[in-house]
Amino acid sequence: MAARDPKQFSHSMAPLPARSSSRDVLEVLTHMIEVDGLGIGDRLPPEVDIARQLGIGRAKVREALTAWQNMGIVTRNKKAGTRLATEVVSNAIHLPVTVKLEAESLLRTHAVRRPLEIETVRLATRNITPQSGRIIMGRVGELIAIHGAGQDWRAADYHFHEALQEACGNPLFGQLIQQIQHGFNEVYEAPFGKPHLGEASIPLHLPLAEAVVAGDESMAVEVMERILDMVEAEIRESMQSMMEGRND
């Protein structure tokens, strides 16, 4: 079926309250896409039209659509406008569409990050220096201590992985990983309402750091893969749990 022009659709979107978030914008757009039956290749209304109907600033709409672009849900360019790159419809797992999009986006983000994280660890192990090794061990010690005290460990985790990225010797790895994560976190600060997604993997960060500092490339990669596997498993378990909750 040929892609349809947005003028053919109703686009009835109720105004949003002041101080609405990017996620609020995307929830309204998701509903509009479902109601109007838009599919892959179909074009969304222009930013200015969305902003006017929602009664919000155009910058907030641009921020929301850019987040979707970073997650692979839409493509955007000046001539073609904003077009859907994935299906945004309900499916057989009976999850709300917004949650389904969140889960799929998180899994896509994780899949892209996986090879980058593994190669970062591989290069960090090869290029480790006494100074970078001290920084890595210091950061992991801080992470383990904060986690053990029951405090919010997310910033410490970020700084630990930042140390690995700096040790690898190629700044592009860190830039790409941060760009991917930022695109997701612009909308989903706490995936599935879980601000500490991946917490079960924190204890593995110490053997990861030790392997990198010791120059044990195979062990470092193995531990990194275990960490990534645990995070992916938690994402899928969260999806399954939400599905079972809706079916009770």
C-alpha atoms as a PDB file:
ATOM      1  CA  MET A   1       0.000   0.000   0.000  1.00  0.00           C
ATOM      2  CA  ALA A   2       1.320   3.441  -0.916  1.00  0.00           C
ATOM      3  CA  ALA A   3       2.264   5.783   1.868  1.00  0.00           C
ATOM      4  CA  ARG A   4      -0.428   8.313   2.665  1.00  0.00           C
ATOM      5  CA  ASP A   5      -0.231  12.055   3.047  1.00  0.00           C
ATOM      6  CA  PRO A   6      -1.042  13.334   6.539  1.00  0.00           C
ATOM      7  CA  LYS A   7      -3.733  15.668   5.185  1.00  0.00           C
ATOM      8  CA  GLN A   8      -5.913  12.603   4.596  1.00  0.00           C
ATOM      9  CA  PHE A   9      -6.174  11.932   8.333  1.00  0.00           C
ATOM     10  CA  SER A  10      -8.184  13.528  11.108  1.00  0.00           C
ATOM     11  CA  HIS A  11      -5.272  14.139  13.515  1.00  0.00           C
ATOM     12  CA  SER A  12      -7.685  15.030  16.303  1.00  0.00           C
ATOM     13  CA  MET A  13      -5.307  15.638  19.209  1.00  0.00           C
ATOM     14  CA  ALA A  14      -6.496  17.218  22.435  1.00  0.00           C
ATOM     15  CA  PRO A  15      -4.342  20.012  23.874  1.00  0.00           C
ATOM     16  CA  LEU A  16      -1.815  18.989  26.508  1.00  0.00           C
ATOM     17  CA  PRO A  17      -1.420  20.632  29.916  1.00  0.00           C
ATOM     18  CA  ALA A  18       1.381  23.111  30.396  1.00  0.00           C
ATOM     19  CA  ARG A  19       4.756  21.557  31.300  1.00  0.00           C
ATOM     20  CA  SER A  20       3.907  18.319  29.502  1.00  0.00           C
ATOM     21  CA  SER A  21       6.894  16.058  28.825  1.00  0.00           C
ATOM     22  CA  SER A  22       8.223  14.611  25.577  1.00  0.00           C
ATOM     23  CA  ARG A  23       6.700  11.313  26.603  1.00  0.00           C
ATOM     24  CA  ASP A  24       3.269  12.979  26.880  1.00  0.00           C
ATOM     25  CA  VAL A  25       3.677  14.236  23.313  1.00  0.00           C
ATOM     26  CA  LEU A  26       4.588  10.781  22.061  1.00  0.00           C
ATOM     27  CA  GLU A  27       1.652   9.166  23.838  1.00  0.00           C
ATOM     28  CA  VAL A  28      -0.720  11.533  22.029  1.00  0.00           C
ATOM     29  CA  LEU A  29       1.014  10.858  18.714  1.00  0.00           C
ATOM     30  CA  THR A  30       0.827   7.116  19.319  1.00  0.00           C
ATOM     31  CA  HIS A  31      -2.932   7.363  19.839  1.00  0.00           C
ATOM     32  CA  MET A  32      -3.293   9.467  16.695  1.00  0.00           C
ATOM     33  CA  ILE A  33      -1.279   6.958  14.667  1.00  0.00           C
ATOM     34  CA  GLU A  34      -3.498   4.111  15.861  1.00  0.00           C
ATOM     35  CA  VAL A  35      -6.752   5.994  15.268  1.00  0.00           C
ATOM     36  CA  ASP A  36      -5.773   7.067  11.765  1.00  0.00           C
ATOM     37  CA  GLY A  37      -4.222   3.708  10.902  1.00  0.00           C
ATOM     38  CA  LEU A  38      -0.824   4.997   9.843  1.00  0.00           C
ATOM     39  CA  GLY A  39       1.750   2.397   8.841  1.00  0.00           C
ATOM     40  CA  ILE A  40       5.386   2.186   7.804  1.00  0.00           C
ATOM     41  CA  GLY A  41       6.202   4.938   5.324  1.00  0.00           C
ATOM     42  CA  ASP A  42       3.240   7.134   6.242  1.00  0.00           C
ATOM     43  CA  ARG A  43       3.983  10.724   7.116  1.00  0.00           C
ATOM     44  CA  LEU A  44       3.162  12.400  10.397  1.00  0.00           C
ATOM     45  CA  PRO A  45       1.825  15.967  10.481  1.00  0.00           C
ATOM     46  CA  PRO A  46       4.421  18.760  10.445  1.00  0.00           C
ATOM     47  CA  GLU A  47       5.895  19.840  13.777  1.00  0.00           C
ATOM     48  CA  VAL A  48       4.124  23.199  13.619  1.00  0.00           C
ATOM     49  CA  ASP A  49       0.712  21.535  13.175  1.00  0.00           C
ATOM     50  CA  ILE A  50       1.305  19.121  16.047  1.00  0.00           C
ATOM     51  CA  ALA A  51       2.452  21.945  18.308  1.00  0.00           C
ATOM     52  CA  ARG A  52      -0.585  24.056  17.449  1.00  0.00           C
ATOM     53  CA  GLN A  53      -3.074  21.255  18.122  1.00  0.00           C
ATOM     54  CA  LEU A  54      -1.400  20.271  21.376  1.00  0.00           C
ATOM     55  CA  GLY A  55      -1.017  23.868  22.506  1.00  0.00           C
ATOM     56  CA  ILE A  56       2.684  23.470  23.268  1.00  0.00           C
ATOM     57  CA  GLY A  57       5.941  24.859  21.926  1.00  0.00           C
ATOM     58  CA  ARG A  58       7.356  23.494  18.704  1.00  0.00           C
ATOM     59  CA  ALA A  59      10.665  22.788  20.469  1.00  0.00           C
ATOM     60  CA  LYS A  60       8.981  20.198  22.688  1.00  0.00           C
ATOM     61  CA  VAL A  61       7.508  18.458  19.637  1.00  0.00           C
ATOM     62  CA  ARG A  62      10.894  18.483  17.913  1.00  0.00           C
ATOM     63  CA  GLU A  63      12.511  17.009  21.030  1.00  0.00           C
ATOM     64  CA  ALA A  64       9.941  14.198  21.139  1.00  0.00           C
ATOM     65  CA  LEU A  65      10.239  13.354  17.440  1.00  0.00           C
ATOM     66  CA  THR A  66      14.041  13.476  17.600  1.00  0.00           C
ATOM     67  CA  ALA A  67      13.903  10.915  20.397  1.00  0.00           C
ATOM     68  CA  TRP A  68      11.769   8.662  18.197  1.00  0.00           C
ATOM     69  CA  GLN A  69      14.222   9.181  15.345  1.00  0.00           C
ATOM     70  CA  ASN A  70      17.139   8.161  17.556  1.00  0.00           C
ATOM     71  CA  MET A  71      15.242   5.010  18.509  1.00  0.00           C
ATOM     72  CA  GLY A  72      14.494   4.097  14.900  1.00  0.00           C
ATOM     73  CA  ILE A  73      10.732   4.624  15.145  1.00  0.00           C
ATOM     74  CA  VAL A  74      10.633   7.437  12.559  1.00  0.00           C
ATOM     75  CA  THR A  75      12.858   8.855   9.853  1.00  0.00           C
ATOM     76  CA  ARG A  76      13.114  12.598   9.353  1.00  0.00           C
ATOM     77  CA  ASN A  77      14.318  14.930   6.632  1.00  0.00           C
ATOM     78  CA  LYS A  78      13.233  18.312   5.308  1.00  0.00           C
ATOM     79  CA  LYS A  79      11.812  17.110   1.987  1.00  0.00           C
ATOM     80  CA  ALA A  80      10.070  13.912   3.053  1.00  0.00           C
ATOM     81  CA  GLY A  81       9.012  15.087   6.503  1.00  0.00           C
ATOM     82  CA  THR A  82       8.654  12.704   9.437  1.00  0.00           C
ATOM     83  CA  ARG A  83       7.680   9.180   8.387  1.00  0.00           C
ATOM     84  CA  LEU A  84       7.079   5.999  10.351  1.00  0.00           C
ATOM     85  CA  ALA A  85       9.876   3.433  10.136  1.00  0.00           C
ATOM     86  CA  THR A  86       8.221   0.807  12.371  1.00  0.00           C
ATOM     87  CA  GLU A  87       4.667  -0.329  13.053  1.00  0.00           C
ATOM     88  CA  VAL A  88       3.018   1.540  15.913  1.00  0.00           C
ATOM     89  CA  VAL A  89       0.037  -0.699  16.590  1.00  0.00           C
ATOM     90  CA  SER A  90      -1.297  -3.001  19.288  1.00  0.00           C
ATOM     91  CA  ASN A  91      -0.224  -6.616  19.003  1.00  0.00           C
ATOM     92  CA  ALA A  92      -0.865 -10.056  20.387  1.00  0.00           C
ATOM     93  CA  ILE A  93       1.066  -9.594  23.618  1.00  0.00           C
ATOM     94  CA  HIS A  94      -1.671  -7.244  24.892  1.00  0.00           C
ATOM     95  CA  LEU A  95       0.660  -4.542  26.102  1.00  0.00           C
ATOM     96  CA  PRO A  96      -0.291  -0.873  25.791  1.00  0.00           C
ATOM     97  CA  VAL A  97       1.183   0.511  22.575  1.00  0.00           C
ATOM     98  CA  THR A  98       3.317   3.044  24.441  1.00  0.00           C
ATOM     99  CA  VAL A  99       4.804   0.271  26.595  1.00  0.00           C
ATOM    100  CA  LYS A 100       5.338  -1.916  23.539  1.00  0.00           C
ATOM    101  CA  LEU A 101       7.214   0.925  21.844  1.00  0.00           C
ATOM    102  CA  GLU A 102       9.248   1.498  24.988  1.00  0.00           C
ATOM    103  CA  ALA A 103      10.230  -2.166  25.179  1.00  0.00           C
ATOM    104  CA  GLU A 104      11.051  -2.477  21.492  1.00  0.00           C
ATOM    105  CA  SER A 105      13.045   0.750  21.555  1.00  0.00           C
ATOM    106  CA  LEU A 106      14.994  -0.373  24.591  1.00  0.00           C
ATOM    107  CA  LEU A 107      15.792  -3.723  22.975  1.00  0.00           C
ATOM    108  CA  ARG A 108      16.923  -2.002  19.772  1.00  0.00           C
ATOM    109  CA  THR A 109      19.075   0.383  21.780  1.00  0.00           C
ATOM    110  CA  HIS A 110      20.565  -2.530  23.690  1.00  0.00           C
ATOM    111  CA  ALA A 111      21.263  -4.463  20.476  1.00  0.00           C
ATOM    112  CA  VAL A 112      23.171  -1.527  18.992  1.00  0.00           C
ATOM    113  CA  ARG A 113      25.079  -0.898  22.206  1.00  0.00           C
ATOM    114  CA  ARG A 114      26.160  -4.529  22.603  1.00  0.00           C
ATOM    115  CA  PRO A 115      28.938  -4.629  19.968  1.00  0.00           C
ATOM    116  CA  LEU A 116      30.087  -1.140  20.963  1.00  0.00           C
ATOM    117  CA  GLU A 117      30.351  -2.048  24.644  1.00  0.00           C
ATOM    118  CA  ILE A 118      32.160  -5.310  23.885  1.00  0.00           C
ATOM    119  CA  GLU A 119      34.661  -3.658  21.546  1.00  0.00           C
ATOM    120  CA  THR A 120      35.188  -0.864  24.089  1.00  0.00           C
ATOM    121  CA  VAL A 121      36.152  -3.458  26.704  1.00  0.00           C
ATOM    122  CA  ARG A 122      38.361  -5.296  24.219  1.00  0.00           C
ATOM    123  CA  LEU A 123      40.276  -2.132  23.310  1.00  0.00           C
ATOM    124  CA  ALA A 124      40.470  -0.935  26.904  1.00  0.00           C
ATOM    125  CA  THR A 125      42.093  -4.224  27.868  1.00  0.00           C
ATOM    126  CA  ARG A 126      44.643  -3.925  25.074  1.00  0.00           C
ATOM    127  CA  ASN A 127      45.430  -0.253  25.744  1.00  0.00           C
ATOM    128  CA  ILE A 128      45.300  -0.247  29.542  1.00  0.00           C
ATOM    129  CA  THR A 129      47.892   1.939  31.278  1.00  0.00           C
ATOM    130  CA  PRO A 130      48.721   2.213  34.989  1.00  0.00           C
ATOM    131  CA  GLN A 131      46.890   5.532  35.148  1.00  0.00           C
ATOM    132  CA  SER A 132      43.738   4.375  33.340  1.00  0.00           C
ATOM    133  CA  GLY A 133      43.793   1.195  35.433  1.00  0.00           C
ATOM    134  CA  ARG A 134      43.791   3.232  38.650  1.00  0.00           C
ATOM    135  CA  ILE A 135      40.872   5.314  37.399  1.00  0.00           C
ATOM    136  CA  ILE A 136      38.866   2.223  36.435  1.00  0.00           C
ATOM    137  CA  MET A 137      39.461   0.535  39.784  1.00  0.00           C
ATOM    138  CA  GLY A 138      38.616   3.732  41.615  1.00  0.00           C
ATOM    139  CA  ARG A 139      35.360   4.121  39.688  1.00  0.00           C
ATOM    140  CA  VAL A 140      34.301   0.508  40.185  1.00  0.00           C
ATOM    141  CA  GLY A 141      35.101   0.753  43.901  1.00  0.00           C
ATOM    142  CA  GLU A 142      32.860   3.802  44.131  1.00  0.00           C
ATOM    143  CA  LEU A 143      30.093   2.010  42.204  1.00  0.00           C
ATOM    144  CA  ILE A 144      30.188  -1.079  44.412  1.00  0.00           C
ATOM    145  CA  ALA A 145      30.248   1.019  47.597  1.00  0.00           C
ATOM    146  CA  ILE A 146      27.288   3.182  46.534  1.00  0.00           C
ATOM    147  CA  HIS A 147      25.296   0.162  45.422  1.00  0.00           C
ATOM    148  CA  GLY A 148      26.109  -1.699  48.630  1.00  0.00           C
ATOM    149  CA  ALA A 149      24.871   1.280  50.676  1.00  0.00           C
ATOM    150  CA  GLY A 150      21.518   1.122  48.905  1.00  0.00           C
ATOM    151  CA  GLN A 151      21.985   4.502  47.251  1.00  0.00           C
ATOM    152  CA  ASP A 152      21.239   5.528  43.661  1.00  0.00           C
ATOM    153  CA  TRP A 153      24.130   4.001  41.729  1.00  0.00           C
ATOM    154  CA  ARG A 154      23.278   5.158  38.208  1.00  0.00           C
ATOM    155  CA  ALA A 155      25.693   8.103  38.100  1.00  0.00           C
ATOM    156  CA  ALA A 156      28.519   5.940  39.450  1.00  0.00           C
ATOM    157  CA  ASP A 157      27.755   3.297  36.836  1.00  0.00           C
ATOM    158  CA  TYR A 158      27.889   5.937  34.116  1.00  0.00           C
ATOM    159  CA  HIS A 159      31.268   7.179  35.358  1.00  0.00           C
ATOM    160  CA  PHE A 160      32.650   3.640  35.495  1.00  0.00           C
ATOM    161  CA  HIS A 161      31.699   2.920  31.887  1.00  0.00           C
ATOM    162  CA  GLU A 162      32.993   6.354  30.927  1.00  0.00           C
ATOM    163  CA  ALA A 163      36.381   5.329  32.355  1.00  0.00           C
ATOM    164  CA  LEU A 164      36.344   2.182  30.195  1.00  0.00           C
ATOM    165  CA  GLN A 165      35.505   4.259  27.128  1.00  0.00           C
ATOM    166  CA  GLU A 166      38.343   6.671  27.853  1.00  0.00           C
ATOM    167  CA  ALA A 167      40.761   3.768  28.379  1.00  0.00           C
ATOM    168  CA  CYS A 168      39.913   2.206  25.021  1.00  0.00           C
ATOM    169  CA  GLY A 169      41.700   5.043  23.249  1.00  0.00           C
ATOM    170  CA  ASN A 170      38.961   5.783  20.700  1.00  0.00           C
ATOM    171  CA  PRO A 171      36.617   8.619  21.740  1.00  0.00           C
ATOM    172  CA  LEU A 172      34.081   7.632  19.067  1.00  0.00           C
ATOM    173  CA  PHE A 173      32.989   4.610  21.100  1.00  0.00           C
ATOM    174  CA  GLY A 174      32.015   6.732  24.057  1.00  0.00           C
ATOM    175  CA  GLN A 175      30.310   9.314  21.855  1.00  0.00           C
ATOM    176  CA  LEU A 176      28.242   6.693  20.027  1.00  0.00           C
ATOM    177  CA  ILE A 177      27.200   4.886  23.212  1.00  0.00           C
ATOM    178  CA  GLN A 178      26.204   8.138  24.903  1.00  0.00           C
ATOM    179  CA  GLN A 179      24.277   9.317  21.845  1.00  0.00           C
ATOM    180  CA  ILE A 180      22.318   6.070  21.674  1.00  0.00           C
ATOM    181  CA  GLN A 181      21.523   6.128  25.373  1.00  0.00           C
ATOM    182  CA  HIS A 182      20.623   9.810  25.336  1.00  0.00           C
ATOM    183  CA  GLY A 183      18.118   9.240  22.531  1.00  0.00           C
ATOM    184  CA  PHE A 184      16.288   6.708  24.660  1.00  0.00           C
ATOM    185  CA  ASN A 185      16.530   8.581  27.948  1.00  0.00           C
ATOM    186  CA  GLU A 186      15.117  11.753  26.432  1.00  0.00           C
ATOM    187  CA  VAL A 187      11.737  10.054  26.728  1.00  0.00           C
ATOM    188  CA  TYR A 188      12.130   7.008  28.954  1.00  0.00           C
ATOM    189  CA  GLU A 189      14.036   8.049  32.067  1.00  0.00           C
ATOM    190  CA  ALA A 190      12.830   4.975  33.962  1.00  0.00           C
ATOM    191  CA  PRO A 191      12.051   2.078  31.583  1.00  0.00           C
ATOM    192  CA  PHE A 192       8.911   0.212  32.710  1.00  0.00           C
ATOM    193  CA  GLY A 193       8.899   2.439  35.779  1.00  0.00           C
ATOM    194  CA  LYS A 194      12.200   0.827  36.876  1.00  0.00           C
ATOM    195  CA  PRO A 195      14.842   3.520  37.384  1.00  0.00           C
ATOM    196  CA  HIS A 196      17.443   0.871  38.291  1.00  0.00           C
ATOM    197  CA  LEU A 197      17.045  -1.487  35.363  1.00  0.00           C
ATOM    198  CA  GLY A 198      20.106  -3.750  35.223  1.00  0.00           C
ATOM    199  CA  GLU A 199      20.852  -3.589  38.938  1.00  0.00           C
ATOM    200  CA  ALA A 200      21.434  -7.351  39.150  1.00  0.00           C
ATOM    201  CA  SER A 201      24.516  -6.936  36.959  1.00  0.00           C
ATOM    202  CA  ILE A 202      26.293  -4.465  39.266  1.00  0.00           C
ATOM    203  CA  PRO A 203      28.292  -7.119  41.207  1.00  0.00           C
ATOM    204  CA  LEU A 204      29.811  -8.267  37.895  1.00  0.00           C
ATOM    205  CA  HIS A 205      31.362  -4.855  37.326  1.00  0.00           C
ATOM    206  CA  LEU A 206      34.197  -5.595  39.755  1.00  0.00           C
ATOM    207  CA  PRO A 207      35.443  -8.737  37.933  1.00  0.00           C
ATOM    208  CA  LEU A 208      35.016  -6.803  34.680  1.00  0.00           C
ATOM    209  CA  ALA A 209      37.284  -4.031  35.949  1.00  0.00           C
ATOM    210  CA  GLU A 210      39.807  -6.510  37.329  1.00  0.00           C
ATOM    211  CA  ALA A 211      39.984  -8.373  34.016  1.00  0.00           C
ATOM    212  CA  VAL A 212      40.483  -5.149  32.047  1.00  0.00           C
ATOM    213  CA  VAL A 213      43.212  -3.884  34.372  1.00  0.00           C
ATOM    214  CA  ALA A 214      44.928  -7.298  34.318  1.00  0.00           C
ATOM    215  CA  GLY A 215      44.943  -7.267  30.511  1.00  0.00           C
ATOM    216  CA  ASP A 216      42.819 -10.431  30.348  1.00  0.00           C
ATOM    217  CA  GLU A 217      40.904  -9.667  27.167  1.00  0.00           C
ATOM    218  CA  SER A 218      38.957 -12.921  26.895  1.00  0.00           C
ATOM    219  CA  MET A 219      37.760 -12.713  30.507  1.00  0.00           C
ATOM    220  CA  ALA A 220      36.838  -9.038  30.183  1.00  0.00           C
ATOM    221  CA  VAL A 221      34.765  -9.721  27.077  1.00  0.00           C
ATOM    222  CA  GLU A 222      33.121 -12.727  28.714  1.00  0.00           C
ATOM    223  CA  VAL A 223      32.076 -10.710  31.772  1.00  0.00           C
ATOM    224  CA  MET A 224      30.829  -7.823  29.605  1.00  0.00           C
ATOM    225  CA  GLU A 225      28.711 -10.248  27.607  1.00  0.00           C
ATOM    226  CA  ARG A 226      27.262 -11.656  30.837  1.00  0.00           C
ATOM    227  CA  ILE A 227      26.359  -8.152  31.980  1.00  0.00           C
ATOM    228  CA  LEU A 228      24.665  -7.379  28.671  1.00  0.00           C
ATOM    229  CA  ASP A 229      22.822 -10.718  28.735  1.00  0.00           C
ATOM    230  CA  MET A 230      21.518  -9.994  32.230  1.00  0.00           C
ATOM    231  CA  VAL A 231      20.218  -6.567  31.225  1.00  0.00           C
ATOM    232  CA  GLU A 232      18.483  -7.954  28.133  1.00  0.00           C
ATOM    233  CA  ALA A 233      16.943 -10.759  30.180  1.00  0.00           C
ATOM    234  CA  GLU A 234      15.593  -8.219  32.664  1.00  0.00           C
ATOM    235  CA  ILE A 235      14.025  -6.201  29.838  1.00  0.00           C
ATOM    236  CA  ARG A 236      12.269  -9.293  28.495  1.00  0.00           C
ATOM    237  CA  GLU A 237      11.206 -10.411  31.969  1.00  0.00           C
ATOM    238  CA  SER A 238       9.712  -6.962  32.592  1.00  0.00           C
ATOM    239  CA  MET A 239       7.731  -7.246  29.357  1.00  0.00           C
ATOM    240  CA  GLN A 240       6.510 -10.703  30.311  1.00  0.00           C
ATOM    241  CA  SER A 241       5.559  -9.545  33.793  1.00  0.00           C
ATOM    242  CA  MET A 242       3.533  -6.652  32.424  1.00  0.00           C
ATOM    243  CA  MET A 243       1.819  -8.934  29.932  1.00  0.00           C
ATOM    244  CA  GLU A 244       0.872 -11.422  32.670  1.00  0.00           C
ATOM    245  CA  GLY A 245      -0.380  -8.585  34.851  1.00  0.00           C
ATOM    246  CA  ARG A 246      -2.735  -7.413  32.111  1.00  0.00           C
ATOM    247  CA  ASN A 247      -3.996 -10.939  31.505  1.00  0.00           C
ATOM    248  CA  ASP A 248      -4.867 -11.658  35.175  1.00  0.00           C
END
